[in-house]
Amino acid sequence: MVPAVVRLCISAPDIQRQVDRRFVHGLVFCKNEVPVLLCDRSGLLGTQTPFNIHEEPKKFIQVIVALTLLNPEQRGCDTSMRLCLPSSSTAPFVHSYDRSILFEHFHGMFDETHWAIDMPCSDGSERETFISVHRLSMACSEVIHGRTTIIYCLGGGEA
């Protein structure tokens, strides 16, 4: 089981390069044993003992159903970030997990994708939307590194 968990740890940074992702859930299938894992930028957290899917099929079904029913925020999506779709007149800002999103919406190069990022106002009463102009840095984005891990140049204003 350890090699499979190590492999998940190695591939987790690739998943977390999705800039609107805070964490990912994982299941590692090792023969009949399955631990439930959660990986974020600070590391990996998992169940102390895996369960056997053949001896406890109801538990396995519960885990799958629970993961299926999670809302986007519980699945690790950053709901304060939305893709900018300037060609859309009806919904110019859409979450990346929206079913209407197509690969073409990412403008070929992911670095060229613009994001609408909701931030709290200084008085804390409302949220203000900023549009990313371009990404300045993504160094160490898969680890906690100071206050931010991805740095954007933002244009302010009302959305």
N, C-alpha and C. Protein backbone atom coordinates (compact mmCIF):
# COMPACT_ATOMS: atom_id res chain seq x y z
N MET A 1 0.82 -1.19 0.00
CA MET A 1 0.00 0.00 0.00
C MET A 1 0.86 1.26 0.00
N VAL A 2 1.99 1.23 0.67
CA VAL A 2 2.85 2.42 0.77
C VAL A 2 3.27 2.93 -0.61
N PRO A 3 3.69 2.07 -1.56
CA PRO A 3 4.06 2.58 -2.89
C PRO A 3 2.91 3.31 -3.58
N ALA A 4 1.69 2.82 -3.41
CA ALA A 4 0.54 3.47 -4.04
C ALA A 4 0.28 4.86 -3.44
N VAL A 5 0.42 4.98 -2.13
CA VAL A 5 0.23 6.28 -1.47
C VAL A 5 1.34 7.24 -1.89
N VAL A 6 2.57 6.73 -1.98
CA VAL A 6 3.69 7.56 -2.43
C VAL A 6 3.43 8.06 -3.85
N ARG A 7 2.90 7.20 -4.70
CA ARG A 7 2.59 7.61 -6.08
C ARG A 7 1.52 8.71 -6.10
N LEU A 8 0.52 8.59 -5.22
CA LEU A 8 -0.50 9.63 -5.11
C LEU A 8 0.13 10.94 -4.67
N CYS A 9 1.05 10.88 -3.72
CA CYS A 9 1.72 12.10 -3.25
C CYS A 9 2.53 12.75 -4.35
N ILE A 10 3.14 11.93 -5.20
CA ILE A 10 3.94 12.47 -6.30
C ILE A 10 3.05 13.14 -7.33
N SER A 11 1.86 12.58 -7.60
CA SER A 11 0.98 13.16 -8.62
C SER A 11 0.08 14.25 -8.07
N ALA A 12 -0.07 14.37 -6.76
CA ALA A 12 -0.96 15.38 -6.17
C ALA A 12 -0.59 16.80 -6.57
N PRO A 13 0.70 17.18 -6.62
CA PRO A 13 1.01 18.55 -7.05
C PRO A 13 0.50 18.87 -8.46
N ASP A 14 0.48 17.87 -9.34
CA ASP A 14 -0.06 18.10 -10.68
C ASP A 14 -1.54 18.48 -10.61
N ILE A 15 -2.27 17.79 -9.76
CA ILE A 15 -3.69 18.09 -9.59
C ILE A 15 -3.85 19.47 -8.98
N GLN A 16 -3.00 19.82 -8.03
CA GLN A 16 -3.15 21.09 -7.34
C GLN A 16 -2.62 22.28 -8.13
N ARG A 17 -2.07 22.04 -9.30
CA ARG A 17 -1.72 23.17 -10.17
C ARG A 17 -2.97 23.76 -10.81
N GLN A 18 -4.10 23.11 -10.58
CA GLN A 18 -5.38 23.71 -10.96
C GLN A 18 -5.56 24.87 -9.99
N VAL A 19 -5.47 26.08 -10.49
CA VAL A 19 -5.40 27.23 -9.60
C VAL A 19 -6.67 27.45 -8.78
N ASP A 20 -7.79 26.91 -9.22
CA ASP A 20 -9.03 27.07 -8.46
C ASP A 20 -9.35 25.83 -7.64
N ARG A 21 -8.31 25.14 -7.21
CA ARG A 21 -8.46 23.91 -6.42
C ARG A 21 -7.75 24.09 -5.09
N ARG A 22 -8.42 23.79 -3.99
CA ARG A 22 -7.82 23.91 -2.65
C ARG A 22 -7.31 22.57 -2.14
N PHE A 23 -8.01 21.49 -2.45
CA PHE A 23 -7.59 20.15 -2.03
C PHE A 23 -8.26 19.12 -2.91
N VAL A 24 -7.79 17.89 -2.81
CA VAL A 24 -8.40 16.78 -3.57
C VAL A 24 -8.61 15.60 -2.63
N HIS A 25 -9.66 14.85 -2.87
CA HIS A 25 -9.91 13.60 -2.16
C HIS A 25 -9.29 12.48 -2.98
N GLY A 26 -8.90 11.42 -2.31
CA GLY A 26 -8.33 10.30 -3.04
C GLY A 26 -8.67 8.97 -2.41
N LEU A 27 -8.79 7.97 -3.24
CA LEU A 27 -8.94 6.58 -2.80
C LEU A 27 -7.80 5.82 -3.47
N VAL A 28 -7.09 5.03 -2.69
CA VAL A 28 -6.01 4.22 -3.24
C VAL A 28 -6.43 2.76 -3.11
N PHE A 29 -6.59 2.10 -4.26
CA PHE A 29 -7.02 0.70 -4.26
C PHE A 29 -5.78 -0.19 -4.29
N CYS A 30 -5.55 -0.90 -3.22
CA CYS A 30 -4.43 -1.84 -3.10
C CYS A 30 -5.01 -3.21 -2.79
N LYS A 31 -5.14 -3.99 -3.84
CA LYS A 31 -5.81 -5.30 -3.72
C LYS A 31 -7.22 -5.07 -3.19
N ASN A 32 -7.52 -5.48 -1.98
CA ASN A 32 -8.87 -5.31 -1.42
C ASN A 32 -8.96 -4.14 -0.44
N GLU A 33 -7.85 -3.53 -0.13
CA GLU A 33 -7.79 -2.49 0.88
C GLU A 33 -7.89 -1.09 0.25
N VAL A 34 -8.65 -0.21 0.91
CA VAL A 34 -8.83 1.15 0.40
C VAL A 34 -8.75 2.15 1.56
N PRO A 35 -7.71 3.00 1.58
CA PRO A 35 -7.73 4.12 2.52
C PRO A 35 -8.38 5.33 1.83
N VAL A 36 -9.00 6.18 2.61
CA VAL A 36 -9.58 7.43 2.09
C VAL A 36 -8.60 8.54 2.44
N LEU A 37 -8.22 9.36 1.44
CA LEU A 37 -7.19 10.37 1.63
C LEU A 37 -7.68 11.75 1.24
N LEU A 38 -7.06 12.76 1.81
CA LEU A 38 -7.30 14.14 1.43
C LEU A 38 -5.92 14.79 1.31
N CYS A 39 -5.67 15.41 0.18
CA CYS A 39 -4.37 16.02 -0.06
C CYS A 39 -4.58 17.50 -0.35
N ASP A 40 -3.86 18.35 0.40
CA ASP A 40 -3.88 19.79 0.13
C ASP A 40 -2.44 20.28 0.06
N ARG A 41 -2.27 21.59 0.01
CA ARG A 41 -0.93 22.14 -0.15
C ARG A 41 -0.04 21.94 1.08
N SER A 42 -0.63 21.53 2.19
CA SER A 42 0.19 21.29 3.38
C SER A 42 0.59 19.83 3.53
N GLY A 43 -0.03 18.95 2.77
CA GLY A 43 0.34 17.55 2.84
C GLY A 43 -0.82 16.61 2.64
N LEU A 44 -0.66 15.40 3.14
CA LEU A 44 -1.62 14.33 2.93
C LEU A 44 -2.20 13.88 4.27
N LEU A 45 -3.50 13.71 4.30
CA LEU A 45 -4.20 13.24 5.49
C LEU A 45 -5.04 12.04 5.06
N GLY A 46 -4.97 10.96 5.84
CA GLY A 46 -5.72 9.77 5.46
C GLY A 46 -6.26 9.01 6.65
N THR A 47 -7.12 8.06 6.36
CA THR A 47 -7.65 7.22 7.41
C THR A 47 -6.52 6.39 8.00
N GLN A 48 -6.58 6.14 9.29
CA GLN A 48 -5.51 5.40 9.96
C GLN A 48 -5.42 3.97 9.46
N THR A 49 -6.56 3.35 9.25
CA THR A 49 -6.57 1.98 8.73
C THR A 49 -7.48 1.92 7.51
N PRO A 50 -7.00 1.30 6.44
CA PRO A 50 -7.86 1.13 5.27
C PRO A 50 -8.94 0.11 5.55
N PHE A 51 -9.99 0.11 4.75
CA PHE A 51 -11.03 -0.90 4.91
C PHE A 51 -11.02 -1.84 3.71
N ASN A 52 -11.51 -3.04 3.93
CA ASN A 52 -11.56 -4.06 2.90
C ASN A 52 -12.90 -3.94 2.17
N ILE A 53 -12.82 -3.70 0.86
CA ILE A 53 -14.06 -3.47 0.08
C ILE A 53 -14.92 -4.72 -0.04
N HIS A 54 -14.33 -5.90 0.12
CA HIS A 54 -15.12 -7.13 0.03
C HIS A 54 -15.75 -7.51 1.37
N GLU A 55 -15.05 -7.21 2.45
CA GLU A 55 -15.59 -7.50 3.78
C GLU A 55 -16.58 -6.42 4.24
N GLU A 56 -16.40 -5.18 3.74
CA GLU A 56 -17.28 -4.07 4.12
C GLU A 56 -17.81 -3.34 2.88
N PRO A 57 -18.60 -4.03 2.05
CA PRO A 57 -19.08 -3.39 0.83
C PRO A 57 -19.98 -2.19 1.08
N LYS A 58 -20.73 -2.21 2.17
CA LYS A 58 -21.60 -1.06 2.48
C LYS A 58 -20.78 0.18 2.78
N LYS A 59 -19.67 0.01 3.47
CA LYS A 59 -18.79 1.15 3.76
C LYS A 59 -18.23 1.72 2.46
N PHE A 60 -17.85 0.84 1.54
CA PHE A 60 -17.33 1.28 0.24
C PHE A 60 -18.40 2.08 -0.51
N ILE A 61 -19.61 1.60 -0.53
CA ILE A 61 -20.72 2.30 -1.19
C ILE A 61 -20.95 3.65 -0.51
N GLN A 62 -20.91 3.68 0.82
CA GLN A 62 -21.10 4.95 1.55
C GLN A 62 -20.04 5.96 1.15
N VAL A 63 -18.79 5.54 1.04
CA VAL A 63 -17.71 6.46 0.67
C VAL A 63 -17.93 7.00 -0.74
N ILE A 64 -18.25 6.13 -1.67
CA ILE A 64 -18.47 6.56 -3.06
C ILE A 64 -19.65 7.51 -3.15
N VAL A 65 -20.75 7.18 -2.50
CA VAL A 65 -21.94 8.04 -2.52
C VAL A 65 -21.63 9.38 -1.85
N ALA A 66 -20.94 9.34 -0.72
CA ALA A 66 -20.60 10.59 -0.02
C ALA A 66 -19.74 11.49 -0.90
N LEU A 67 -18.74 10.93 -1.57
CA LEU A 67 -17.89 11.74 -2.44
C LEU A 67 -18.68 12.28 -3.64
N THR A 68 -19.63 11.51 -4.11
CA THR A 68 -20.45 11.93 -5.25
C THR A 68 -21.38 13.09 -4.88
N LEU A 69 -21.87 13.10 -3.65
CA LEU A 69 -22.86 14.10 -3.23
C LEU A 69 -22.25 15.39 -2.67
N LEU A 70 -20.93 15.46 -2.61
CA LEU A 70 -20.30 16.68 -2.09
C LEU A 70 -20.57 17.86 -3.00
N ASN A 71 -20.76 19.04 -2.42
CA ASN A 71 -20.89 20.24 -3.25
C ASN A 71 -19.49 20.66 -3.71
N PRO A 72 -19.38 21.57 -4.67
CA PRO A 72 -18.06 21.94 -5.21
C PRO A 72 -17.06 22.40 -4.14
N GLU A 73 -17.51 23.16 -3.17
CA GLU A 73 -16.59 23.63 -2.13
C GLU A 73 -16.07 22.46 -1.29
N GLN A 74 -16.94 21.49 -1.00
CA GLN A 74 -16.53 20.31 -0.24
C GLN A 74 -15.62 19.39 -1.06
N ARG A 75 -15.71 19.49 -2.39
CA ARG A 75 -14.83 18.71 -3.27
C ARG A 75 -13.47 19.37 -3.42
N GLY A 76 -13.30 20.57 -2.87
CA GLY A 76 -12.01 21.24 -2.93
C GLY A 76 -11.93 22.38 -3.92
N CYS A 77 -13.03 22.71 -4.58
CA CYS A 77 -13.02 23.81 -5.54
C CYS A 77 -13.05 25.15 -4.80
N ASP A 78 -12.29 26.11 -5.31
CA ASP A 78 -12.30 27.46 -4.76
C ASP A 78 -13.44 28.21 -5.43
N THR A 79 -14.55 28.36 -4.75
CA THR A 79 -15.74 28.96 -5.34
C THR A 79 -15.62 30.48 -5.48
N SER A 80 -14.53 31.06 -4.99
CA SER A 80 -14.34 32.50 -5.17
C SER A 80 -13.68 32.81 -6.51
N MET A 81 -13.32 31.77 -7.27
CA MET A 81 -12.67 31.96 -8.58
C MET A 81 -13.58 31.45 -9.68
N ARG A 82 -13.73 32.28 -10.73
CA ARG A 82 -14.53 31.88 -11.88
C ARG A 82 -13.76 32.22 -13.15
N LEU A 83 -13.95 31.43 -14.18
CA LEU A 83 -13.34 31.70 -15.48
C LEU A 83 -14.00 32.90 -16.13
N CYS A 84 -13.22 33.72 -16.81
CA CYS A 84 -13.77 34.84 -17.58
C CYS A 84 -14.02 34.35 -19.00
N LEU A 85 -15.26 34.48 -19.44
CA LEU A 85 -15.63 34.10 -20.78
C LEU A 85 -16.13 35.34 -21.51
N PRO A 86 -15.22 36.14 -22.06
CA PRO A 86 -15.65 37.40 -22.68
C PRO A 86 -16.59 37.22 -23.85
N SER A 87 -16.57 36.05 -24.49
CA SER A 87 -17.45 35.83 -25.63
C SER A 87 -18.88 35.52 -25.22
N SER A 88 -19.11 35.29 -23.93
CA SER A 88 -20.45 34.94 -23.45
C SER A 88 -21.19 36.19 -22.97
N SER A 89 -22.35 36.43 -23.53
CA SER A 89 -23.13 37.60 -23.11
C SER A 89 -24.04 37.27 -21.92
N THR A 90 -24.34 35.99 -21.73
CA THR A 90 -25.25 35.62 -20.64
C THR A 90 -24.53 35.38 -19.33
N ALA A 91 -23.39 34.73 -19.36
CA ALA A 91 -22.65 34.43 -18.13
C ALA A 91 -21.16 34.64 -18.38
N PRO A 92 -20.68 35.88 -18.22
CA PRO A 92 -19.27 36.13 -18.52
C PRO A 92 -18.30 35.48 -17.53
N PHE A 93 -18.78 35.14 -16.32
CA PHE A 93 -17.94 34.48 -15.32
C PHE A 93 -18.58 33.15 -14.94
N VAL A 94 -17.83 32.06 -15.11
CA VAL A 94 -18.37 30.72 -14.86
C VAL A 94 -17.33 29.91 -14.09
N HIS A 95 -17.77 29.12 -13.13
CA HIS A 95 -16.85 28.24 -12.41
C HIS A 95 -16.29 27.19 -13.36
N SER A 96 -15.05 26.79 -13.14
CA SER A 96 -14.40 25.83 -14.03
C SER A 96 -15.05 24.45 -13.99
N TYR A 97 -15.80 24.16 -12.94
CA TYR A 97 -16.47 22.86 -12.84
C TYR A 97 -17.87 22.89 -13.45
N ASP A 98 -18.27 24.03 -13.98
CA ASP A 98 -19.58 24.14 -14.62
C ASP A 98 -19.60 23.22 -15.85
N ARG A 99 -20.70 22.54 -16.05
CA ARG A 99 -20.79 21.57 -17.15
C ARG A 99 -20.76 22.22 -18.53
N SER A 100 -20.97 23.53 -18.59
CA SER A 100 -20.95 24.21 -19.89
C SER A 100 -19.53 24.56 -20.35
N ILE A 101 -18.55 24.41 -19.46
CA ILE A 101 -17.17 24.76 -19.79
C ILE A 101 -16.59 23.73 -20.75
N LEU A 102 -15.93 24.23 -21.78
CA LEU A 102 -15.26 23.39 -22.76
C LEU A 102 -13.75 23.62 -22.69
N PHE A 103 -12.99 22.70 -23.19
CA PHE A 103 -11.53 22.84 -23.20
C PHE A 103 -11.11 24.13 -23.92
N GLU A 104 -11.83 24.50 -24.94
CA GLU A 104 -11.51 25.70 -25.72
C GLU A 104 -11.59 26.98 -24.88
N HIS A 105 -12.34 26.95 -23.79
CA HIS A 105 -12.46 28.13 -22.94
C HIS A 105 -11.16 28.49 -22.24
N PHE A 106 -10.19 27.59 -22.26
CA PHE A 106 -8.92 27.85 -21.60
C PHE A 106 -7.93 28.54 -22.53
N HIS A 107 -8.38 29.04 -23.66
CA HIS A 107 -7.59 29.88 -24.57
C HIS A 107 -6.26 29.26 -24.98
N GLY A 108 -6.19 27.96 -25.12
CA GLY A 108 -4.97 27.32 -25.59
C GLY A 108 -3.90 27.19 -24.52
N MET A 109 -3.46 28.30 -23.97
CA MET A 109 -2.43 28.30 -22.92
C MET A 109 -3.09 28.63 -21.59
N PHE A 110 -2.89 27.78 -20.60
CA PHE A 110 -3.54 27.99 -19.30
C PHE A 110 -3.10 29.31 -18.68
N ASP A 111 -1.86 29.73 -18.93
CA ASP A 111 -1.38 30.99 -18.37
C ASP A 111 -2.14 32.19 -18.92
N GLU A 112 -2.77 32.04 -20.07
CA GLU A 112 -3.51 33.14 -20.68
C GLU A 112 -4.97 33.20 -20.21
N THR A 113 -5.38 32.24 -19.42
CA THR A 113 -6.75 32.21 -18.93
C THR A 113 -6.96 33.30 -17.90
N HIS A 114 -8.02 34.06 -18.04
CA HIS A 114 -8.33 35.12 -17.08
C HIS A 114 -9.37 34.60 -16.08
N TRP A 115 -9.23 35.06 -14.84
CA TRP A 115 -10.10 34.62 -13.76
C TRP A 115 -10.77 35.82 -13.13
N ALA A 116 -12.02 35.64 -12.73
CA ALA A 116 -12.72 36.61 -11.90
C ALA A 116 -12.57 36.09 -10.47
N ILE A 117 -11.96 36.89 -9.62
CA ILE A 117 -11.65 36.45 -8.26
C ILE A 117 -12.41 37.35 -7.28
N ASP A 118 -13.28 36.74 -6.49
CA ASP A 118 -14.06 37.49 -5.49
C ASP A 118 -13.25 37.62 -4.21
N MET A 119 -13.12 38.85 -3.76
CA MET A 119 -12.37 39.13 -2.53
C MET A 119 -13.25 39.95 -1.60
N PRO A 120 -13.06 39.79 -0.28
CA PRO A 120 -13.85 40.59 0.65
C PRO A 120 -13.43 42.06 0.58
N CYS A 121 -14.40 42.94 0.75
CA CYS A 121 -14.10 44.38 0.82
C CYS A 121 -13.45 44.67 2.17
N SER A 122 -12.82 45.82 2.27
CA SER A 122 -12.11 46.16 3.50
C SER A 122 -13.05 46.27 4.70
N ASP A 123 -14.31 46.65 4.46
CA ASP A 123 -15.24 46.75 5.58
C ASP A 123 -15.88 45.40 5.91
N GLY A 124 -15.63 44.37 5.08
CA GLY A 124 -16.12 43.02 5.36
C GLY A 124 -17.58 42.79 5.05
N SER A 125 -18.29 43.79 4.55
CA SER A 125 -19.72 43.64 4.34
C SER A 125 -20.08 43.00 3.01
N GLU A 126 -19.26 43.20 2.01
CA GLU A 126 -19.55 42.69 0.68
C GLU A 126 -18.31 42.05 0.09
N ARG A 127 -18.45 41.60 -1.14
CA ARG A 127 -17.30 41.06 -1.87
C ARG A 127 -17.13 41.86 -3.15
N GLU A 128 -15.90 42.03 -3.56
CA GLU A 128 -15.59 42.77 -4.78
C GLU A 128 -14.92 41.80 -5.75
N THR A 129 -15.23 41.93 -7.03
CA THR A 129 -14.67 41.03 -8.03
C THR A 129 -13.53 41.71 -8.75
N PHE A 130 -12.40 41.01 -8.84
CA PHE A 130 -11.22 41.47 -9.57
C PHE A 130 -11.00 40.52 -10.74
N ILE A 131 -10.44 41.04 -11.81
CA ILE A 131 -10.15 40.23 -12.99
C ILE A 131 -8.64 40.07 -13.09
N SER A 132 -8.17 38.83 -13.25
CA SER A 132 -6.73 38.61 -13.39
C SER A 132 -6.29 39.10 -14.77
N VAL A 133 -5.20 39.84 -14.79
CA VAL A 133 -4.62 40.31 -16.05
C VAL A 133 -3.68 39.23 -16.57
N HIS A 134 -2.76 38.82 -15.70
CA HIS A 134 -1.90 37.69 -16.00
C HIS A 134 -1.28 37.19 -14.70
N ARG A 135 -0.77 35.99 -14.77
CA ARG A 135 -0.15 35.39 -13.58
C ARG A 135 1.29 35.86 -13.51
N LEU A 136 1.69 36.40 -12.35
CA LEU A 136 3.05 36.86 -12.17
C LEU A 136 3.97 35.74 -11.70
N SER A 137 3.45 34.85 -10.87
CA SER A 137 4.27 33.77 -10.35
C SER A 137 3.39 32.59 -9.96
N MET A 138 3.91 31.41 -10.24
CA MET A 138 3.24 30.20 -9.77
C MET A 138 4.27 29.30 -9.11
N ALA A 139 5.41 29.89 -8.74
CA ALA A 139 6.47 29.12 -8.10
C ALA A 139 5.94 28.50 -6.81
N CYS A 140 6.25 27.26 -6.61
CA CYS A 140 5.87 26.52 -5.40
C CYS A 140 4.36 26.53 -5.17
N SER A 141 3.56 26.52 -6.23
CA SER A 141 2.11 26.59 -6.05
C SER A 141 1.55 25.35 -5.38
N GLU A 142 2.31 24.25 -5.40
CA GLU A 142 1.80 23.03 -4.79
C GLU A 142 2.14 22.93 -3.31
N VAL A 143 2.79 23.95 -2.75
CA VAL A 143 3.13 23.94 -1.33
C VAL A 143 2.72 25.27 -0.70
N ILE A 144 2.58 25.26 0.61
CA ILE A 144 2.30 26.52 1.31
C ILE A 144 3.59 27.33 1.31
N HIS A 145 3.50 28.55 0.87
CA HIS A 145 4.70 29.39 0.72
C HIS A 145 4.30 30.82 1.05
N GLY A 146 4.35 31.18 2.30
CA GLY A 146 3.94 32.52 2.69
C GLY A 146 2.43 32.66 2.63
N ARG A 147 1.95 33.88 2.40
CA ARG A 147 0.51 34.13 2.37
C ARG A 147 -0.15 33.62 1.11
N THR A 148 0.59 33.63 -0.01
CA THR A 148 0.00 33.19 -1.27
C THR A 148 0.95 32.24 -1.97
N THR A 149 0.41 31.45 -2.84
CA THR A 149 1.24 30.56 -3.62
C THR A 149 1.18 30.89 -5.11
N ILE A 150 0.14 31.57 -5.52
CA ILE A 150 0.01 32.01 -6.91
C ILE A 150 -0.22 33.51 -6.88
N ILE A 151 0.56 34.24 -7.63
CA ILE A 151 0.47 35.70 -7.61
C ILE A 151 -0.06 36.18 -8.95
N TYR A 152 -1.13 36.98 -8.90
CA TYR A 152 -1.74 37.52 -10.11
C TYR A 152 -1.59 39.03 -10.14
N CYS A 153 -1.55 39.57 -11.35
CA CYS A 153 -1.74 40.99 -11.55
C CYS A 153 -3.23 41.16 -11.79
N LEU A 154 -3.90 41.97 -10.94
CA LEU A 154 -5.35 42.09 -11.00
C LEU A 154 -5.77 43.47 -11.47
N GLY A 155 -6.90 43.50 -12.18
CA GLY A 155 -7.56 44.75 -12.51
C GLY A 155 -8.78 44.86 -11.63
N GLY A 156 -8.93 45.94 -10.91
CA GLY A 156 -10.04 46.07 -9.96
C GLY A 156 -11.30 46.56 -10.62
N GLY A 157 -12.32 46.72 -9.81
CA GLY A 157 -13.55 47.27 -10.31
C GLY A 157 -14.73 46.34 -10.14
N GLU A 158 -15.84 46.85 -10.49
CA GLU A 158 -17.08 46.08 -10.40
C GLU A 158 -17.16 45.11 -11.55
N ALA A 159 -17.69 43.94 -11.29
CA ALA A 159 -17.85 42.92 -12.34
C ALA A 159 -19.12 43.19 -13.12
